[in-house]
Structure formats: C-alpha cells, structure tokens
Amino acid sequence: MLHQIEKWIDQTNIEYQEQRISCSKFFDEFKGFYPLKFLQQSYFVIVDTIPKPNFPELRQMGLGDFIDMEVNGITYKNTYYVLPELASDLRLHFHELVHVAQWGHLGAIPFMERYITEIQTSGYHAALLEKMAYAFDAHFTKGGEKIDVPNYVAKKIQKGI
C-alpha cells in the first residue's frame, strides 16, 4: 500500500513539476532557520485543490477523516502544495518546510508509516510529527531564536520524539 502511495506522490510531483516554485525565495525571511541549500532543494506549488491520495485502502485503515479534512497545505517529499489565498502566509510555508525536513530525514516509506500510525493512534492534532511542525511554526511566528530546523528535526527524530 505504501509503495502505491509513493508512486502516486511521485506522479503528482511530476504532474506539477512545471508549476513548482523554489523555496529559496524565502531565504531572507527564514535565514537562520533553513539553510539556503535546503531551501533550494524544496518547492511549493499553488493549487486550487490540495491533492490527496484517495485509495479505498486508506479509508479502510481509518484515515477517511484525514483524507476528507480540509487543509491549507500538504507536503509530499520535497514539494508541498498550498491554496492560492494562503500562498503568501509565511507561517504555512514554515510549517510545511518542517515536513519537508521530516520526509528528508526519514525517507518516504518510513515517514508515511510513522505519519499514518501517529494519525491512527493519536489523531491529527496529537501526532508527534504534526506537533513538531506546529511548535516550530509558532516559534517562528513569535520571533523565537534562530534554530537550524532540518538539523534539529534530524536530532529529534534520532532521539525518537
């Protein structure tokens, strides 16, 4: 199932490849949080509808609420998708970039396994990967001290957050 989802993700990212915008455009705003190289290898796409895999197996796993949930953005590997009305929301970009770092550190299949398990057992808002992203975007919004997010994410995941 996860390999089927990854194939769908890869196809979706290819489908939108021409519309991708490099996150390096946020270098000044996110300086000290995200290294330039990380931002240069991360992308976002402005879409009218957030793409989500809608496989019956995911609903059978109890993820129907997550699939049907209205979201402002979603991340697949190094690319995330945002709605037009939120395309200039720095907090949203910051949040989704935390997920890019998580995908990058864990890899696709391990990220999906963990994310699905966390959603199933704790729910979306209590899922540790989401809590990390929300904590970081709040820290950024409040003007918190600069932290190398990708490095921090890697250390926290290695410690088993």
N, C-alpha and C. Protein backbone atom coordinates (compact mmCIF):
# COMPACT_ATOMS: atom_id res chain seq x y z
N MET A 1 0.82 -1.20 0.00
CA MET A 1 0.00 0.00 0.00
C MET A 1 0.86 1.26 0.00
N LEU A 2 1.89 1.30 0.86
CA LEU A 2 2.74 2.48 0.95
C LEU A 2 3.50 2.73 -0.35
N HIS A 3 3.88 1.66 -1.02
CA HIS A 3 4.57 1.82 -2.31
C HIS A 3 3.61 2.38 -3.36
N GLN A 4 2.35 2.01 -3.27
CA GLN A 4 1.32 2.55 -4.17
C GLN A 4 1.14 4.06 -3.90
N ILE A 5 1.13 4.43 -2.63
CA ILE A 5 1.01 5.85 -2.27
C ILE A 5 2.23 6.62 -2.75
N GLU A 6 3.42 6.03 -2.55
CA GLU A 6 4.63 6.72 -3.01
C GLU A 6 4.62 6.91 -4.52
N LYS A 7 4.14 5.92 -5.24
CA LYS A 7 4.04 6.04 -6.71
C LYS A 7 3.08 7.19 -7.06
N TRP A 8 1.95 7.29 -6.34
CA TRP A 8 1.00 8.38 -6.56
C TRP A 8 1.66 9.73 -6.25
N ILE A 9 2.43 9.80 -5.16
CA ILE A 9 3.13 11.03 -4.78
C ILE A 9 4.10 11.43 -5.87
N ASP A 10 4.90 10.48 -6.32
CA ASP A 10 5.89 10.79 -7.37
C ASP A 10 5.19 11.28 -8.63
N GLN A 11 4.09 10.64 -8.99
CA GLN A 11 3.34 11.05 -10.18
C GLN A 11 2.76 12.45 -10.00
N THR A 12 2.24 12.73 -8.81
CA THR A 12 1.69 14.06 -8.52
C THR A 12 2.77 15.11 -8.60
N ASN A 13 3.92 14.85 -8.01
CA ASN A 13 5.02 15.81 -8.06
C ASN A 13 5.51 16.04 -9.49
N ILE A 14 5.52 15.00 -10.30
CA ILE A 14 5.90 15.14 -11.71
C ILE A 14 4.86 15.96 -12.46
N GLU A 15 3.59 15.68 -12.18
CA GLU A 15 2.50 16.38 -12.84
C GLU A 15 2.56 17.90 -12.61
N TYR A 16 2.99 18.30 -11.43
CA TYR A 16 3.05 19.72 -11.08
C TYR A 16 4.47 20.31 -11.20
N GLN A 17 5.40 19.55 -11.73
CA GLN A 17 6.80 19.97 -11.78
C GLN A 17 7.00 21.35 -12.42
N GLU A 18 6.28 21.63 -13.48
CA GLU A 18 6.44 22.91 -14.18
C GLU A 18 5.93 24.10 -13.37
N GLN A 19 5.07 23.84 -12.38
CA GLN A 19 4.48 24.90 -11.57
C GLN A 19 5.22 25.12 -10.24
N ARG A 20 6.21 24.29 -9.99
CA ARG A 20 6.93 24.39 -8.71
C ARG A 20 7.66 25.72 -8.60
N ILE A 21 7.69 26.23 -7.38
CA ILE A 21 8.42 27.46 -7.07
C ILE A 21 9.45 27.11 -6.01
N SER A 22 10.68 27.52 -6.22
CA SER A 22 11.74 27.22 -5.27
C SER A 22 11.53 27.98 -3.95
N CYS A 23 11.73 27.28 -2.86
CA CYS A 23 11.60 27.90 -1.54
C CYS A 23 12.78 28.79 -1.21
N SER A 24 13.76 28.85 -2.11
CA SER A 24 14.89 29.77 -1.89
C SER A 24 14.40 31.22 -1.85
N LYS A 25 13.19 31.45 -2.38
CA LYS A 25 12.62 32.81 -2.33
C LYS A 25 12.36 33.26 -0.89
N PHE A 26 12.34 32.32 0.06
CA PHE A 26 12.11 32.65 1.47
C PHE A 26 13.41 32.76 2.27
N PHE A 27 14.53 32.77 1.57
CA PHE A 27 15.81 32.75 2.29
C PHE A 27 15.93 33.89 3.29
N ASP A 28 15.60 35.10 2.90
CA ASP A 28 15.73 36.23 3.81
C ASP A 28 14.81 36.08 5.02
N GLU A 29 13.58 35.67 4.80
CA GLU A 29 12.61 35.53 5.89
C GLU A 29 12.97 34.38 6.83
N PHE A 30 13.54 33.30 6.28
CA PHE A 30 13.81 32.10 7.08
C PHE A 30 15.30 31.93 7.41
N LYS A 31 16.09 32.98 7.18
CA LYS A 31 17.53 32.91 7.43
C LYS A 31 17.77 32.51 8.89
N GLY A 32 18.66 31.55 9.08
CA GLY A 32 18.96 31.06 10.42
C GLY A 32 18.10 29.87 10.82
N PHE A 33 16.99 29.67 10.12
CA PHE A 33 16.12 28.53 10.37
C PHE A 33 16.32 27.43 9.33
N TYR A 34 16.44 27.83 8.08
CA TYR A 34 16.60 26.89 6.99
C TYR A 34 17.81 27.30 6.16
N PRO A 35 18.79 26.40 5.99
CA PRO A 35 19.95 26.71 5.15
C PRO A 35 19.52 26.93 3.70
N LEU A 36 20.26 27.77 2.98
CA LEU A 36 19.94 28.06 1.59
C LEU A 36 19.87 26.79 0.76
N LYS A 37 20.81 25.87 0.94
CA LYS A 37 20.80 24.63 0.14
C LYS A 37 19.51 23.85 0.35
N PHE A 38 19.03 23.79 1.59
CA PHE A 38 17.77 23.11 1.89
C PHE A 38 16.62 23.79 1.15
N LEU A 39 16.57 25.11 1.21
CA LEU A 39 15.50 25.86 0.54
C LEU A 39 15.57 25.69 -0.97
N GLN A 40 16.79 25.64 -1.52
CA GLN A 40 16.95 25.47 -2.96
C GLN A 40 16.46 24.09 -3.43
N GLN A 41 16.43 23.13 -2.53
CA GLN A 41 16.01 21.77 -2.87
C GLN A 41 14.57 21.49 -2.43
N SER A 42 13.87 22.54 -2.00
CA SER A 42 12.48 22.42 -1.55
C SER A 42 11.61 23.31 -2.43
N TYR A 43 10.37 22.86 -2.67
CA TYR A 43 9.50 23.56 -3.61
C TYR A 43 8.07 23.62 -3.07
N PHE A 44 7.33 24.59 -3.59
CA PHE A 44 5.91 24.62 -3.31
C PHE A 44 5.16 24.87 -4.61
N VAL A 45 3.89 24.48 -4.59
CA VAL A 45 3.02 24.62 -5.74
C VAL A 45 1.71 25.23 -5.24
N ILE A 46 1.25 26.24 -5.93
CA ILE A 46 -0.04 26.85 -5.61
C ILE A 46 -1.11 26.13 -6.42
N VAL A 47 -2.08 25.56 -5.71
CA VAL A 47 -3.14 24.77 -6.35
C VAL A 47 -4.50 25.20 -5.84
N ASP A 48 -5.51 25.02 -6.66
CA ASP A 48 -6.88 25.34 -6.25
C ASP A 48 -7.45 24.27 -5.32
N THR A 49 -6.98 23.04 -5.49
CA THR A 49 -7.42 21.93 -4.65
C THR A 49 -6.19 21.17 -4.19
N ILE A 50 -6.09 20.94 -2.89
CA ILE A 50 -4.94 20.21 -2.34
C ILE A 50 -5.03 18.74 -2.80
N PRO A 51 -3.98 18.24 -3.48
CA PRO A 51 -4.02 16.84 -3.94
C PRO A 51 -3.80 15.88 -2.77
N LYS A 52 -4.65 14.87 -2.70
CA LYS A 52 -4.52 13.83 -1.66
C LYS A 52 -4.81 12.48 -2.29
N PRO A 53 -4.07 11.47 -1.86
CA PRO A 53 -4.37 10.12 -2.35
C PRO A 53 -5.69 9.67 -1.75
N ASN A 54 -6.57 9.14 -2.55
CA ASN A 54 -7.88 8.73 -2.06
C ASN A 54 -8.10 7.25 -2.38
N PHE A 55 -7.23 6.41 -1.83
CA PHE A 55 -7.33 4.98 -2.06
C PHE A 55 -8.31 4.38 -1.05
N PRO A 56 -9.16 3.45 -1.49
CA PRO A 56 -10.09 2.81 -0.55
C PRO A 56 -9.38 2.17 0.64
N GLU A 57 -8.18 1.65 0.42
CA GLU A 57 -7.42 1.01 1.50
C GLU A 57 -7.12 1.99 2.63
N LEU A 58 -6.88 3.27 2.28
CA LEU A 58 -6.61 4.27 3.32
C LEU A 58 -7.85 4.51 4.18
N ARG A 59 -9.00 4.51 3.55
CA ARG A 59 -10.25 4.67 4.30
C ARG A 59 -10.49 3.45 5.19
N GLN A 60 -10.16 2.27 4.66
CA GLN A 60 -10.32 1.04 5.46
C GLN A 60 -9.39 1.05 6.67
N MET A 61 -8.27 1.77 6.56
CA MET A 61 -7.33 1.87 7.68
C MET A 61 -7.78 2.92 8.70
N GLY A 62 -8.92 3.55 8.45
CA GLY A 62 -9.44 4.54 9.39
C GLY A 62 -8.95 5.94 9.13
N LEU A 63 -8.46 6.19 7.92
CA LEU A 63 -7.90 7.51 7.60
C LEU A 63 -8.86 8.38 6.78
N GLY A 64 -10.12 7.99 6.71
CA GLY A 64 -11.10 8.74 5.94
C GLY A 64 -11.23 10.18 6.41
N ASP A 65 -11.26 10.38 7.74
CA ASP A 65 -11.37 11.75 8.26
C ASP A 65 -10.19 12.60 7.84
N PHE A 66 -8.99 12.00 7.84
CA PHE A 66 -7.81 12.74 7.42
C PHE A 66 -7.88 13.08 5.93
N ILE A 67 -8.29 12.12 5.12
CA ILE A 67 -8.39 12.34 3.67
C ILE A 67 -9.41 13.44 3.37
N ASP A 68 -10.52 13.44 4.11
CA ASP A 68 -11.59 14.40 3.87
C ASP A 68 -11.36 15.75 4.55
N MET A 69 -10.40 15.82 5.47
CA MET A 69 -10.15 17.04 6.23
C MET A 69 -9.68 18.16 5.29
N GLU A 70 -10.24 19.33 5.47
CA GLU A 70 -9.79 20.48 4.68
C GLU A 70 -8.48 20.97 5.26
N VAL A 71 -7.47 21.07 4.43
CA VAL A 71 -6.16 21.53 4.87
C VAL A 71 -5.71 22.70 4.00
N ASN A 72 -4.82 23.50 4.55
CA ASN A 72 -4.28 24.65 3.83
C ASN A 72 -3.04 24.30 3.03
N GLY A 73 -2.42 23.18 3.38
CA GLY A 73 -1.22 22.74 2.69
C GLY A 73 -0.96 21.28 2.98
N ILE A 74 -0.17 20.65 2.12
CA ILE A 74 0.23 19.26 2.34
C ILE A 74 1.59 19.06 1.67
N THR A 75 2.42 18.23 2.30
CA THR A 75 3.78 18.01 1.83
C THR A 75 3.95 16.59 1.34
N TYR A 76 4.59 16.47 0.17
CA TYR A 76 4.98 15.18 -0.39
C TYR A 76 6.45 15.26 -0.75
N LYS A 77 7.27 14.63 0.05
CA LYS A 77 8.72 14.62 -0.14
C LYS A 77 9.25 16.05 -0.06
N ASN A 78 9.87 16.57 -1.13
CA ASN A 78 10.46 17.91 -1.06
C ASN A 78 9.55 18.99 -1.67
N THR A 79 8.29 18.65 -1.88
CA THR A 79 7.35 19.57 -2.52
C THR A 79 6.07 19.63 -1.69
N TYR A 80 5.60 20.85 -1.47
CA TYR A 80 4.32 20.98 -0.77
C TYR A 80 3.38 21.84 -1.58
N TYR A 81 2.10 21.67 -1.29
CA TYR A 81 1.02 22.28 -2.06
C TYR A 81 0.23 23.19 -1.13
N VAL A 82 -0.05 24.41 -1.61
CA VAL A 82 -0.79 25.39 -0.82
C VAL A 82 -1.90 26.01 -1.68
N LEU A 83 -2.93 26.48 -0.98
CA LEU A 83 -4.04 27.14 -1.66
C LEU A 83 -3.66 28.58 -2.02
N PRO A 84 -4.22 29.12 -3.08
CA PRO A 84 -3.86 30.47 -3.54
C PRO A 84 -4.01 31.55 -2.46
N GLU A 85 -5.07 31.48 -1.68
CA GLU A 85 -5.31 32.52 -0.69
C GLU A 85 -4.30 32.49 0.46
N LEU A 86 -3.50 31.41 0.54
CA LEU A 86 -2.50 31.30 1.61
C LEU A 86 -1.07 31.27 1.07
N ALA A 87 -0.93 31.55 -0.20
CA ALA A 87 0.38 31.46 -0.84
C ALA A 87 1.41 32.41 -0.25
N SER A 88 0.97 33.48 0.40
CA SER A 88 1.92 34.43 0.99
C SER A 88 2.00 34.30 2.52
N ASP A 89 1.39 33.25 3.08
CA ASP A 89 1.39 33.03 4.52
C ASP A 89 2.71 32.36 4.94
N LEU A 90 3.62 33.14 5.51
CA LEU A 90 4.94 32.62 5.87
C LEU A 90 4.85 31.50 6.91
N ARG A 91 3.89 31.62 7.82
CA ARG A 91 3.76 30.57 8.84
C ARG A 91 3.44 29.23 8.19
N LEU A 92 2.57 29.22 7.20
CA LEU A 92 2.23 27.99 6.50
C LEU A 92 3.45 27.42 5.77
N HIS A 93 4.19 28.27 5.10
CA HIS A 93 5.40 27.80 4.41
C HIS A 93 6.40 27.24 5.42
N PHE A 94 6.56 27.92 6.54
CA PHE A 94 7.48 27.45 7.57
C PHE A 94 7.07 26.06 8.04
N HIS A 95 5.78 25.89 8.32
CA HIS A 95 5.22 24.62 8.79
C HIS A 95 5.48 23.50 7.78
N GLU A 96 5.16 23.76 6.53
CA GLU A 96 5.33 22.71 5.51
C GLU A 96 6.80 22.37 5.30
N LEU A 97 7.68 23.34 5.47
CA LEU A 97 9.11 23.06 5.34
C LEU A 97 9.61 22.16 6.47
N VAL A 98 8.99 22.23 7.65
CA VAL A 98 9.32 21.28 8.71
C VAL A 98 9.01 19.87 8.21
N HIS A 99 7.88 19.72 7.54
CA HIS A 99 7.53 18.40 6.99
C HIS A 99 8.50 17.97 5.89
N VAL A 100 8.97 18.91 5.08
CA VAL A 100 9.99 18.57 4.06
C VAL A 100 11.22 18.00 4.77
N ALA A 101 11.62 18.62 5.87
CA ALA A 101 12.78 18.14 6.63
C ALA A 101 12.51 16.74 7.21
N GLN A 102 11.30 16.51 7.69
CA GLN A 102 10.93 15.20 8.23
C GLN A 102 10.97 14.13 7.14
N TRP A 103 10.36 14.43 6.00
CA TRP A 103 10.40 13.50 4.86
C TRP A 103 11.85 13.20 4.48
N GLY A 104 12.66 14.27 4.42
CA GLY A 104 14.05 14.11 4.01
C GLY A 104 14.86 13.26 4.96
N HIS A 105 14.61 13.43 6.25
CA HIS A 105 15.38 12.66 7.23
C HIS A 105 14.91 11.21 7.30
N LEU A 106 13.61 11.00 7.32
CA LEU A 106 13.09 9.65 7.48
C LEU A 106 13.09 8.84 6.19
N GLY A 107 12.89 9.50 5.05
CA GLY A 107 12.68 8.79 3.80
C GLY A 107 11.18 8.57 3.62
N ALA A 108 10.75 8.32 2.40
CA ALA A 108 9.33 8.29 2.06
C ALA A 108 8.55 7.20 2.81
N ILE A 109 8.96 5.96 2.69
CA ILE A 109 8.19 4.87 3.30
C ILE A 109 8.19 4.99 4.83
N PRO A 110 9.35 5.19 5.47
CA PRO A 110 9.32 5.34 6.93
C PRO A 110 8.51 6.56 7.39
N PHE A 111 8.57 7.67 6.63
CA PHE A 111 7.76 8.83 7.00
C PHE A 111 6.28 8.46 6.95
N MET A 112 5.85 7.86 5.86
CA MET A 112 4.43 7.52 5.71
C MET A 112 3.98 6.53 6.78
N GLU A 113 4.81 5.51 7.06
CA GLU A 113 4.47 4.55 8.11
C GLU A 113 4.24 5.26 9.44
N ARG A 114 5.18 6.11 9.77
CA ARG A 114 5.10 6.81 11.06
C ARG A 114 3.92 7.78 11.09
N TYR A 115 3.75 8.54 10.04
CA TYR A 115 2.68 9.54 9.99
C TYR A 115 1.31 8.86 10.11
N ILE A 116 1.11 7.80 9.33
CA ILE A 116 -0.17 7.07 9.37
C ILE A 116 -0.41 6.48 10.76
N THR A 117 0.62 5.87 11.34
CA THR A 117 0.47 5.29 12.67
C THR A 117 0.12 6.36 13.70
N GLU A 118 0.78 7.52 13.63
CA GLU A 118 0.50 8.60 14.58
C GLU A 118 -0.92 9.12 14.42
N ILE A 119 -1.38 9.26 13.19
CA ILE A 119 -2.75 9.72 12.94
C ILE A 119 -3.75 8.69 13.48
N GLN A 120 -3.48 7.41 13.22
CA GLN A 120 -4.39 6.35 13.65
C GLN A 120 -4.46 6.26 15.18
N THR A 121 -3.32 6.38 15.84
CA THR A 121 -3.29 6.16 17.29
C THR A 121 -3.58 7.41 18.11
N SER A 122 -3.18 8.58 17.60
CA SER A 122 -3.29 9.81 18.40
C SER A 122 -4.22 10.85 17.81
N GLY A 123 -4.53 10.72 16.52
CA GLY A 123 -5.29 11.75 15.83
C GLY A 123 -4.35 12.79 15.26
N TYR A 124 -4.86 13.57 14.33
CA TYR A 124 -4.04 14.54 13.61
C TYR A 124 -3.34 15.52 14.55
N HIS A 125 -4.08 16.15 15.44
CA HIS A 125 -3.51 17.23 16.27
C HIS A 125 -2.53 16.73 17.33
N ALA A 126 -2.61 15.46 17.69
CA ALA A 126 -1.69 14.91 18.68
C ALA A 126 -0.55 14.09 18.05
N ALA A 127 -0.56 13.96 16.73
CA ALA A 127 0.51 13.24 16.04
C ALA A 127 1.83 13.99 16.25
N LEU A 128 2.87 13.28 16.66
CA LEU A 128 4.13 13.93 17.01
C LEU A 128 4.76 14.70 15.86
N LEU A 129 4.69 14.17 14.64
CA LEU A 129 5.27 14.89 13.51
C LEU A 129 4.52 16.21 13.27
N GLU A 130 3.21 16.20 13.46
CA GLU A 130 2.43 17.44 13.32
C GLU A 130 2.71 18.40 14.48
N LYS A 131 2.78 17.85 15.68
CA LYS A 131 3.05 18.71 16.84
C LYS A 131 4.39 19.42 16.68
N MET A 132 5.39 18.72 16.14
CA MET A 132 6.69 19.33 15.90
C MET A 132 6.56 20.49 14.91
N ALA A 133 5.83 20.26 13.83
CA ALA A 133 5.67 21.32 12.81
C ALA A 133 4.91 22.51 13.37
N TYR A 134 3.86 22.26 14.15
CA TYR A 134 3.10 23.36 14.73
C TYR A 134 3.93 24.13 15.77
N ALA A 135 4.71 23.41 16.56
CA ALA A 135 5.57 24.07 17.55
C ALA A 135 6.59 24.97 16.86
N PHE A 136 7.17 24.47 15.77
CA PHE A 136 8.15 25.27 15.04
C PHE A 136 7.52 26.49 14.38
N ASP A 137 6.34 26.33 13.77
CA ASP A 137 5.76 27.49 13.10
C ASP A 137 5.34 28.53 14.12
N ALA A 138 4.92 28.10 15.32
CA ALA A 138 4.59 29.05 16.38
C ALA A 138 5.84 29.76 16.88
N HIS A 139 6.93 29.01 17.03
CA HIS A 139 8.21 29.57 17.46
C HIS A 139 8.67 30.65 16.48
N PHE A 140 8.57 30.35 15.19
CA PHE A 140 8.95 31.31 14.15
C PHE A 140 8.06 32.55 14.22
N THR A 141 6.75 32.34 14.31
CA THR A 141 5.80 33.45 14.30
C THR A 141 6.00 34.38 15.49
N LYS A 142 6.41 33.82 16.62
CA LYS A 142 6.62 34.62 17.83
C LYS A 142 8.00 35.29 17.85
N GLY A 143 8.77 35.10 16.79
CA GLY A 143 10.10 35.72 16.72
C GLY A 143 11.13 35.01 17.57
N GLY A 144 10.96 33.70 17.74
CA GLY A 144 11.90 32.92 18.55
C GLY A 144 13.30 32.88 17.97
N GLU A 145 14.23 32.44 18.80
CA GLU A 145 15.63 32.40 18.37
C GLU A 145 15.80 31.48 17.17
N LYS A 146 16.81 31.77 16.37
CA LYS A 146 17.09 31.00 15.16
C LYS A 146 17.57 29.60 15.53
N ILE A 147 16.98 28.62 14.90
CA ILE A 147 17.32 27.21 15.09
C ILE A 147 17.42 26.59 13.70
N ASP A 148 18.48 25.84 13.45
CA ASP A 148 18.62 25.13 12.18
C ASP A 148 17.58 24.00 12.17
N VAL A 149 16.45 24.25 11.53
CA VAL A 149 15.32 23.33 11.59
C VAL A 149 15.65 21.93 11.05
N PRO A 150 16.22 21.80 9.84
CA PRO A 150 16.49 20.44 9.36
C PRO A 150 17.41 19.65 10.31
N ASN A 151 18.41 20.31 10.87
CA ASN A 151 19.32 19.65 11.79
C ASN A 151 18.59 19.27 13.08
N TYR A 152 17.78 20.16 13.60
CA TYR A 152 17.01 19.91 14.81
C TYR A 152 16.04 18.75 14.60
N VAL A 153 15.35 18.76 13.47
CA VAL A 153 14.40 17.69 13.14
C VAL A 153 15.14 16.35 13.14
N ALA A 154 16.29 16.29 12.49
CA ALA A 154 17.06 15.05 12.41
C ALA A 154 17.44 14.56 13.81
N LYS A 155 17.89 15.46 14.67
CA LYS A 155 18.29 15.07 16.03
C LYS A 155 17.10 14.59 16.84
N LYS A 156 15.97 15.28 16.74
CA LYS A 156 14.77 14.88 17.49
C LYS A 156 14.26 13.52 17.03
N ILE A 157 14.26 13.28 15.73
CA ILE A 157 13.79 12.01 15.20
C ILE A 157 14.74 10.88 15.63
N GLN A 158 16.05 11.14 15.62
CA GLN A 158 17.00 10.12 16.05
C GLN A 158 16.81 9.77 17.53
N LYS A 159 16.38 10.77 18.30
CA LYS A 159 16.15 10.52 19.73
C LYS A 159 14.78 9.90 19.97
N GLY A 160 13.99 9.79 18.91
CA GLY A 160 12.71 9.11 19.00
C GLY A 160 11.56 9.94 19.50
N ILE A 161 11.53 11.22 19.11
CA ILE A 161 10.40 12.08 19.55
C ILE A 161 9.07 11.41 19.39
